[in-house]
Amino acid sequence: MKRQQLDRDELYRYARHIALPDIGLEGQQRLKSGRVLCVGAGGLGSPLALYLAAAGVGTIGMVDDDVVDESNLQRQLLHGTR
């Protein structure tokens, strides 16, 4: 897998990750090049996708065949009422 370079804004955004010895610049580049498929976008899948995106994962796919109901919105962070 070819590692993607980080631009200036990304270097600033992920500076705390990059400063960690176990992650570093190489690890953050690998995260940006990474691809994750999340099966389920409910109570666990929604925050998982949010945290993966915040960590810098480059591509996140979501699969869920459920219908979002208004009663689910308190735990499904990716959905809204509109």
Protein backbone atom coordinates (compact mmCIF):
# COMPACT_ATOMS: atom_id res chain seq x y z
CA MET A 1 0.00 0.00 0.00
CA LYS A 2 1.40 3.36 -1.01
CA ARG A 3 1.51 5.83 1.87
CA GLN A 4 -0.16 9.17 1.30
CA GLN A 5 1.68 12.32 2.28
CA LEU A 6 0.23 14.64 4.91
CA ASP A 7 -0.29 18.30 4.05
CA ARG A 8 0.47 21.17 6.43
CA ASP A 9 -3.05 21.23 7.90
CA GLU A 10 -2.99 17.48 8.53
CA LEU A 11 0.42 17.69 10.18
CA TYR A 12 -1.04 20.28 12.56
CA ARG A 13 -4.29 18.35 13.15
CA TYR A 14 -2.54 15.06 13.91
CA ALA A 15 0.51 16.49 15.70
CA ARG A 16 -0.35 14.68 18.94
CA HIS A 17 -0.63 11.34 17.14
CA ILE A 18 2.62 11.97 15.31
CA ALA A 19 4.36 12.79 18.59
CA LEU A 20 3.51 9.34 19.99
CA PRO A 21 6.43 6.93 19.51
CA ASP A 22 4.09 4.06 18.58
CA ILE A 23 2.41 6.07 15.79
CA GLY A 24 4.75 8.75 14.46
CA LEU A 25 4.62 10.23 10.97
CA GLU A 26 4.75 6.83 9.29
CA GLY A 27 1.82 5.54 11.32
CA GLN A 28 -0.28 8.61 10.55
CA GLN A 29 0.48 8.23 6.84
CA ARG A 30 -0.61 4.60 7.07
CA LEU A 31 -3.87 5.67 8.73
CA LYS A 32 -4.52 8.15 5.91
CA SER A 33 -3.91 5.40 3.35
CA GLY A 34 -6.06 2.96 5.31
CA ARG A 35 -9.51 1.68 4.41
CA VAL A 36 -12.07 0.38 6.90
CA LEU A 37 -15.48 -1.18 6.31
CA CYS A 38 -17.83 -0.84 9.26
CA VAL A 39 -20.73 -3.31 9.22
CA GLY A 40 -23.52 -1.63 11.17
CA ALA A 41 -24.13 2.08 11.64
CA GLY A 42 -26.06 1.89 14.89
CA GLY A 43 -25.11 2.51 18.50
CA LEU A 44 -21.56 1.16 18.09
CA GLY A 45 -20.93 1.74 14.39
CA SER A 46 -21.80 5.45 14.47
CA PRO A 47 -19.22 6.45 17.11
CA LEU A 48 -16.71 4.01 15.60
CA ALA A 49 -16.93 5.82 12.25
CA LEU A 50 -16.62 9.18 14.00
CA TYR A 51 -13.48 8.12 15.87
CA LEU A 52 -11.91 6.49 12.82
CA ALA A 53 -12.44 9.69 10.85
CA ALA A 54 -11.04 11.80 13.69
CA ALA A 55 -7.97 9.54 13.83
CA GLY A 56 -7.33 10.20 10.14
CA VAL A 57 -8.41 6.98 8.46
CA GLY A 58 -8.58 7.82 4.76
CA THR A 59 -11.56 5.76 3.58
CA ILE A 60 -14.46 4.58 5.73
CA GLY A 61 -17.29 2.52 4.31
CA MET A 62 -20.53 1.96 6.20
CA VAL A 63 -22.99 -0.90 5.59
CA ASP A 64 -26.30 -1.20 7.43
CA ASP A 65 -29.62 -2.45 6.10
CA ASP A 66 -31.65 -1.14 9.04
CA VAL A 67 -34.02 1.81 8.75
CA VAL A 68 -33.17 4.74 11.01
CA ASP A 69 -35.99 5.52 13.41
CA GLU A 70 -36.30 8.73 15.41
CA SER A 71 -36.11 6.69 18.63
CA ASN A 72 -32.58 5.58 17.61
CA LEU A 73 -31.12 9.08 17.27
CA GLN A 74 -29.88 9.42 20.86
CA ARG A 75 -27.21 6.78 20.15
CA GLN A 76 -26.70 7.03 16.39
CA LEU A 77 -24.42 10.02 15.99
CA LEU A 78 -24.23 9.91 12.20
CA HIS A 79 -27.94 10.52 11.63
CA GLY A 80 -30.23 13.49 12.05
CA THR A 81 -33.90 14.31 11.77
CA ARG A 82 -33.68 16.02 8.42
